[in-house]
Amino acid sequence: MEKTLWHPVALAEAVVHAPLAVRLLEQELVLWRDLAGQVHAFVDRCPHRGARLSLGRIEQDRLECPYHGWQFAGDGHCERVPAVPDFAPPPAHCVRSFAVQELYGLVWLQLEAAADVPPPQFEAEGDARLRKLNCGPYDVAASAPRIIENFLDMSHFGFVHEGWLGSRDATAMERYDVENTPTGVRATNCKARQPQSNLHSTAAAEVHYTYEVTDPYTALLNKLPEAGTSRDGWYESIGLFVCPVTPETSRVWFRLAVADFDTPDAQLQAFQHTIFTQDQPVLESQQPKGLPLDARAELNSPADRLSVAYRRYLKGRGITFGVC
């Protein structure tokens, strides 16, 4: 199931005219960009003698193996064997290639073709009123579902993010609404009293959020205007995109869609960095590493309604990677 999903594996700007090694679902892969700007993804193993193609280079708009110089075109077919220049490699002389898309400033891969499986949606991407930028990657010793569940959880704000997203004297959560959607689950009417909800906050404010899971390893947060700052139709959005590297390790990116067009990228990224690196050691401490889908495995309270819905969604989708 997981192999038919679209997964983020690299920042698009990191894939240049040189091989880049990445890992997805325990599979070693190599990315490279041709002269036309198209990104290609291959198994990171030459079919000739098994050398890592990511150690090679691009020659004549082909990926060249570092061992014997075999050259592979964008479709994976071997176009040249230097030791026998007159040899015309047959169709079977190829390296396995994968479907690739560039979305949200990231390169996405699908390990098994499935035309009816679309990539995760990030609705704010098409809103010209919002500025887009990425934060990450973060390499995390935690499973992808654990990371998504943490992103959906508001009851840890007063402890993990004390003085930033929450405070110990305001930890009570009002009831929020959870519903199933065609692509996952959504929570609305989520409210939090936050000392500093963003980079420019100068006073505590009650913030209203909408959370949504749009794919097993993708979650979105929409932040509605704070009291006194409302503008018609205004909102901000954060997309969390997780690459499941192994069942217990992940690579993480955040996609910010913000109404702030003035603050330098580095400052906006630094705020997000602060928040996530507060989460990271707690995430990496959780046991078991995989997210338990058995309702009896971990205790729950009414504050965990979204988490419980997310676990049910994963179970219903047949997800096995990163869960237990």
Protein backbone atom coordinates (compact mmCIF):
# COMPACT_ATOMS: atom_id res chain seq x y z
CA MET A 1 0.00 0.00 0.00
CA GLU A 2 2.66 2.51 1.03
CA LYS A 3 4.57 2.05 -2.23
CA THR A 4 1.65 3.36 -4.28
CA LEU A 5 1.55 6.61 -2.28
CA TRP A 6 3.47 9.73 -3.32
CA HIS A 7 6.29 10.55 -0.89
CA PRO A 8 8.58 13.60 -0.57
CA VAL A 9 12.27 12.71 -0.79
CA ALA A 10 14.22 15.95 -1.37
CA LEU A 11 14.01 19.70 -1.76
CA ALA A 12 13.58 20.44 -5.44
CA GLU A 13 16.44 22.95 -5.29
CA ALA A 14 18.77 20.22 -3.99
CA VAL A 15 18.36 18.17 -7.18
CA VAL A 16 20.76 19.65 -9.69
CA HIS A 17 22.81 18.31 -12.63
CA ALA A 18 24.51 15.78 -10.36
CA PRO A 19 23.35 12.55 -8.68
CA LEU A 20 21.71 12.81 -5.25
CA ALA A 21 21.25 9.77 -3.02
CA VAL A 22 17.96 9.51 -1.10
CA ARG A 23 16.15 6.80 0.83
CA LEU A 24 12.46 5.94 0.94
CA LEU A 25 10.70 2.97 2.55
CA GLU A 26 14.11 1.35 3.11
CA GLN A 27 14.85 1.63 -0.63
CA GLU A 28 18.12 3.28 -1.76
CA LEU A 29 17.42 5.67 -4.64
CA VAL A 30 19.24 8.23 -6.76
CA LEU A 31 17.83 11.47 -8.17
CA TRP A 32 19.23 13.56 -10.99
CA ARG A 33 18.03 16.41 -13.20
CA ASP A 34 18.54 16.46 -16.97
CA LEU A 35 19.32 19.51 -19.10
CA ALA A 36 15.61 20.06 -19.80
CA GLY A 37 15.02 20.37 -16.06
CA GLN A 38 13.24 17.03 -15.62
CA VAL A 39 14.04 15.08 -12.44
CA HIS A 40 14.59 11.33 -12.74
CA ALA A 41 14.65 8.68 -10.02
CA PHE A 42 16.39 5.31 -10.25
CA VAL A 43 17.26 2.48 -7.93
CA ASP A 44 20.69 3.41 -6.58
CA ARG A 45 22.32 0.27 -7.95
CA CYS A 46 23.84 -0.26 -11.35
CA PRO A 47 22.36 -3.42 -12.95
CA HIS A 48 25.81 -4.31 -14.31
CA ARG A 49 27.88 -4.93 -11.14
CA GLY A 50 25.83 -3.32 -8.38
CA ALA A 51 27.78 -0.09 -7.78
CA ARG A 52 25.93 2.90 -6.37
CA LEU A 53 24.90 5.19 -9.21
CA SER A 54 24.81 8.14 -6.83
CA LEU A 55 28.63 8.00 -6.81
CA GLY A 56 28.66 8.65 -10.56
CA ARG A 57 28.11 11.81 -12.57
CA ILE A 58 26.08 13.20 -15.48
CA GLU A 59 27.64 12.79 -18.91
CA GLN A 60 25.93 13.73 -22.20
CA ASP A 61 22.66 14.17 -20.27
CA ARG A 62 22.83 10.62 -18.93
CA LEU A 63 23.58 9.22 -15.49
CA GLU A 64 26.98 7.52 -15.63
CA CYS A 65 27.93 4.65 -13.32
CA PRO A 66 31.18 5.33 -11.40
CA TYR A 67 32.45 1.75 -11.88
CA HIS A 68 32.47 0.99 -15.62
CA GLY A 69 30.93 4.15 -17.05
CA TRP A 70 27.68 2.65 -18.26
CA GLN A 71 25.35 5.52 -19.13
CA PHE A 72 21.60 5.52 -18.48
CA ALA A 73 19.05 7.83 -20.10
CA GLY A 74 16.16 9.40 -18.21
CA ASP A 75 13.89 6.40 -18.86
CA GLY A 76 16.49 4.09 -17.28
CA HIS A 77 17.69 2.46 -20.49
CA CYS A 78 21.43 1.95 -20.90
CA GLU A 79 22.60 4.02 -23.88
CA ARG A 80 26.37 3.39 -23.78
CA VAL A 81 28.84 0.75 -22.58
CA PRO A 82 32.33 2.35 -22.94
CA ALA A 83 34.17 -0.98 -22.97
CA VAL A 84 32.32 -1.98 -26.17
CA PRO A 85 31.49 1.28 -27.99
CA ASP A 86 29.72 -0.47 -30.89
CA PHE A 87 27.42 -2.48 -28.60
CA ALA A 88 23.74 -1.50 -28.78
CA PRO A 89 22.29 -2.34 -25.36
CA PRO A 90 18.96 -4.21 -25.64
CA PRO A 91 15.84 -3.07 -23.76
CA ALA A 92 16.66 -5.42 -20.87
CA HIS A 93 19.81 -3.38 -20.17
CA CYS A 94 18.14 -0.84 -17.92
CA VAL A 95 17.92 0.39 -14.36
CA ARG A 96 14.57 0.52 -12.61
CA SER A 97 13.06 4.00 -12.68
CA PHE A 98 10.17 5.59 -10.78
CA ALA A 99 7.47 8.20 -11.32
CA VAL A 100 8.49 11.69 -10.18
CA GLN A 101 6.65 14.96 -9.51
CA GLU A 102 7.75 18.34 -8.22
CA LEU A 103 5.22 19.86 -5.83
CA TYR A 104 5.43 22.39 -3.00
CA GLY A 105 9.16 22.90 -3.55
CA LEU A 106 9.82 19.18 -3.06
CA VAL A 107 10.50 16.14 -5.24
CA TRP A 108 7.91 13.39 -4.78
CA LEU A 109 8.24 9.71 -5.76
CA GLN A 110 5.87 6.80 -6.21
CA LEU A 111 7.60 3.43 -5.90
CA GLU A 112 4.77 1.45 -7.50
CA ALA A 113 2.69 2.97 -10.29
CA ALA A 114 -0.95 3.64 -9.42
CA ALA A 115 -2.65 6.18 -11.67
CA ASP A 116 -5.61 6.52 -9.31
CA VAL A 117 -3.45 7.66 -6.37
CA PRO A 118 -2.95 11.46 -6.42
CA PRO A 119 -0.26 13.29 -4.43
CA PRO A 120 -1.28 14.97 -1.17
CA GLN A 121 -3.07 18.29 -1.56
CA PHE A 122 -1.92 21.58 -0.01
CA GLU A 123 -4.73 23.98 -0.81
CA ALA A 124 -2.86 27.11 0.30
CA GLU A 125 -0.25 26.54 -2.44
CA GLY A 126 -2.50 28.16 -5.04
CA ASP A 127 -3.37 31.22 -2.91
CA ALA A 128 -1.43 34.20 -4.28
CA ARG A 129 -2.11 36.13 -1.05
CA LEU A 130 0.22 33.79 0.81
CA ARG A 131 3.99 33.56 0.58
CA LYS A 132 5.42 30.02 0.40
CA LEU A 133 8.68 28.70 1.79
CA ASN A 134 10.05 25.41 3.10
CA CYS A 135 11.73 24.49 6.36
CA GLY A 136 13.92 21.42 6.68
CA PRO A 137 14.81 18.72 6.11
CA TYR A 138 14.93 17.29 9.62
CA ASP A 139 16.17 13.74 10.11
CA VAL A 140 14.23 12.28 13.01
CA ALA A 141 14.61 8.97 14.85
CA ALA A 142 10.85 8.49 14.99
CA SER A 143 8.31 6.83 12.75
CA ALA A 144 6.37 8.94 10.26
CA PRO A 145 2.98 8.32 11.95
CA ARG A 146 4.36 9.35 15.36
CA ILE A 147 5.51 12.64 13.80
CA ILE A 148 2.14 13.27 12.16
CA GLU A 149 0.28 12.50 15.38
CA ASN A 150 2.46 14.94 17.33
CA PHE A 151 1.66 17.67 14.80
CA LEU A 152 -2.06 17.04 15.35
CA ASP A 153 -1.79 17.19 19.14
CA MET A 154 -2.51 20.47 20.97
CA SER A 155 -2.50 19.20 24.55
CA HIS A 156 1.31 19.12 24.70
CA PHE A 157 1.68 22.86 23.95
CA GLY A 158 1.88 23.98 27.60
CA PHE A 159 4.64 21.49 28.37
CA VAL A 160 6.82 20.97 25.29
CA HIS A 161 6.32 24.52 23.95
CA GLU A 162 5.93 26.40 27.24
CA GLY A 163 6.29 30.15 26.69
CA TRP A 164 5.85 29.72 22.94
CA LEU A 165 2.70 27.87 21.86
CA GLY A 166 1.38 27.27 25.36
CA SER A 167 1.68 27.79 29.11
CA ARG A 168 1.18 25.60 32.15
CA ASP A 169 -1.59 27.81 33.51
CA ALA A 170 -3.75 27.37 30.38
CA THR A 171 -3.67 23.70 29.44
CA ALA A 172 -7.40 22.91 29.48
CA MET A 173 -8.75 22.15 25.99
CA GLU A 174 -12.22 22.99 24.82
CA ARG A 175 -14.07 20.30 22.90
CA TYR A 176 -13.28 20.32 19.18
CA ASP A 177 -14.98 18.61 16.26
CA VAL A 178 -13.54 15.69 14.27
CA GLU A 179 -14.87 14.36 10.98
CA ASN A 180 -13.80 11.91 8.31
CA THR A 181 -13.07 13.33 4.86
CA PRO A 182 -12.57 11.68 1.45
CA THR A 183 -8.79 11.93 1.96
CA GLY A 184 -8.41 11.52 5.72
CA VAL A 185 -9.65 13.27 8.85
CA ARG A 186 -10.25 16.90 9.86
CA ALA A 187 -10.54 18.69 13.21
CA THR A 188 -12.24 22.09 13.49
CA ASN A 189 -12.91 24.56 16.30
CA CYS A 190 -9.49 23.85 17.83
CA LYS A 191 -8.57 26.64 20.25
CA ALA A 192 -5.40 27.38 22.17
CA ARG A 193 -4.23 30.23 24.40
CA GLN A 194 -0.71 30.94 23.17
CA PRO A 195 1.99 33.27 24.51
CA GLN A 196 3.67 33.50 21.09
CA SER A 197 1.78 31.95 18.21
CA ASN A 198 4.09 33.35 15.54
CA LEU A 199 7.30 35.28 15.03
CA HIS A 200 5.68 38.68 15.55
CA SER A 201 3.37 37.95 18.49
CA THR A 202 3.71 40.55 21.25
CA ALA A 203 0.98 39.31 23.60
CA ALA A 204 -0.84 36.10 24.44
CA ALA A 205 -3.82 35.39 22.22
CA GLU A 206 -6.47 32.76 21.67
CA VAL A 207 -5.71 31.09 18.35
CA HIS A 208 -8.15 29.02 16.29
CA TYR A 209 -6.82 26.15 14.23
CA THR A 210 -8.10 23.62 11.73
CA TYR A 211 -6.09 20.41 11.41
CA GLU A 212 -6.38 18.01 8.52
CA VAL A 213 -4.74 14.74 7.49
CA THR A 214 -4.78 14.51 3.70
CA ASP A 215 -2.56 11.45 3.28
CA PRO A 216 -1.12 8.88 5.70
CA TYR A 217 2.12 10.84 6.12
CA THR A 218 0.85 14.38 5.41
CA ALA A 219 -0.93 16.83 7.71
CA LEU A 220 -2.04 20.44 7.36
CA LEU A 221 -2.70 23.19 9.86
CA ASN A 222 -4.75 26.28 9.02
CA LYS A 223 -4.50 29.17 11.43
CA LEU A 224 -7.40 31.61 11.55
CA PRO A 225 -6.94 35.29 12.47
CA GLU A 226 -6.37 36.25 16.08
CA ALA A 227 -8.86 38.57 17.77
CA GLY A 228 -8.29 42.16 16.70
CA THR A 229 -6.24 41.27 13.61
CA SER A 230 -8.91 39.81 11.37
CA ARG A 231 -8.80 40.48 7.67
CA ASP A 232 -11.46 39.21 5.32
CA GLY A 233 -10.50 35.79 4.00
CA TRP A 234 -7.11 35.82 5.74
CA TYR A 235 -5.48 32.69 7.11
CA GLU A 236 -2.09 31.00 7.26
CA SER A 237 -1.26 27.39 6.61
CA ILE A 238 1.51 24.92 7.47
CA GLY A 239 1.97 21.65 5.63
CA LEU A 240 3.87 18.81 7.29
CA PHE A 241 5.33 16.39 4.73
CA VAL A 242 7.08 13.31 6.09
CA CYS A 243 9.25 10.85 4.18
CA PRO A 244 9.16 7.41 5.85
CA VAL A 245 12.81 6.38 5.52
CA THR A 246 12.62 3.24 7.68
CA PRO A 247 9.85 2.05 10.01
CA GLU A 248 11.55 3.99 12.82
CA THR A 249 13.23 6.95 11.08
CA SER A 250 11.91 9.79 8.95
CA ARG A 251 12.84 12.92 7.04
CA VAL A 252 10.60 15.93 7.61
CA TRP A 253 9.77 19.17 5.81
CA PHE A 254 7.39 21.99 6.66
CA ARG A 255 5.79 24.11 3.94
CA LEU A 256 4.79 27.55 5.23
CA ALA A 257 2.10 29.63 3.52
CA VAL A 258 2.06 32.94 5.34
CA ALA A 259 0.66 36.43 4.86
CA ASP A 260 4.02 37.96 5.87
CA PHE A 261 5.89 39.12 2.74
CA ASP A 262 8.42 41.28 4.59
CA THR A 263 10.28 39.11 7.10
CA PRO A 264 13.38 37.35 5.70
CA ASP A 265 13.05 33.62 5.03
CA ALA A 266 15.68 32.82 7.66
CA GLN A 267 13.66 34.44 10.45
CA LEU A 268 10.45 32.63 9.56
CA GLN A 269 12.33 29.36 9.26
CA ALA A 270 14.08 29.96 12.59
CA PHE A 271 10.74 30.21 14.41
CA GLN A 272 9.53 26.95 12.90
CA HIS A 273 12.91 25.39 13.66
CA THR A 274 12.59 26.36 17.32
CA ILE A 275 9.16 24.77 17.61
CA PHE A 276 10.09 21.51 15.89
CA THR A 277 13.37 21.03 17.72
CA GLN A 278 11.39 21.29 20.97
CA ASP A 279 9.25 18.40 19.70
CA GLN A 280 12.09 16.29 18.33
CA PRO A 281 13.65 14.89 21.53
CA VAL A 282 10.23 13.95 22.87
CA LEU A 283 9.30 12.26 19.59
CA GLU A 284 12.57 10.33 19.58
CA SER A 285 11.95 9.17 23.16
CA GLN A 286 8.57 7.57 22.46
CA GLN A 287 8.23 3.80 22.78
CA PRO A 288 7.32 1.86 20.82
CA LYS A 289 8.75 3.68 17.83
CA GLY A 290 5.88 2.56 15.64
CA LEU A 291 2.48 4.14 16.21
CA PRO A 292 0.18 1.57 17.89
CA LEU A 293 -3.08 1.06 16.01
CA ASP A 294 -4.62 -1.23 18.63
CA ALA A 295 -7.00 0.96 20.66
CA ARG A 296 -5.89 -0.82 23.85
CA ALA A 297 -2.15 -0.28 23.37
CA GLU A 298 -1.99 3.26 24.81
CA LEU A 299 -4.33 5.24 27.06
CA ASN A 300 -6.47 8.07 25.68
CA SER A 301 -8.48 11.00 27.01
CA PRO A 302 -11.18 13.15 25.33
CA ALA A 303 -8.38 15.53 24.28
CA ASP A 304 -7.05 12.78 21.99
CA ARG A 305 -10.05 12.52 19.68
CA LEU A 306 -8.09 13.59 16.61
CA SER A 307 -5.24 11.21 17.40
CA VAL A 308 -7.69 8.32 17.78
CA ALA A 309 -9.35 9.25 14.47
CA TYR A 310 -5.95 9.37 12.74
CA ARG A 311 -5.07 5.89 14.02
CA ARG A 312 -8.40 4.53 12.80
CA TYR A 313 -7.78 6.16 9.42
CA LEU A 314 -4.35 4.49 9.10
CA LYS A 315 -5.84 1.14 10.01
CA GLY A 316 -8.62 1.61 7.48
CA ARG A 317 -6.12 2.48 4.75
CA GLY A 318 -4.12 -0.66 5.48
CA ILE A 319 -0.95 1.23 6.45
CA THR A 320 1.73 -1.05 7.90
CA PHE A 321 4.94 1.01 7.59
CA GLY A 322 5.75 2.90 10.81
CA VAL A 323 2.89 1.42 12.83
CA CYS A 324 2.57 -1.52 15.18
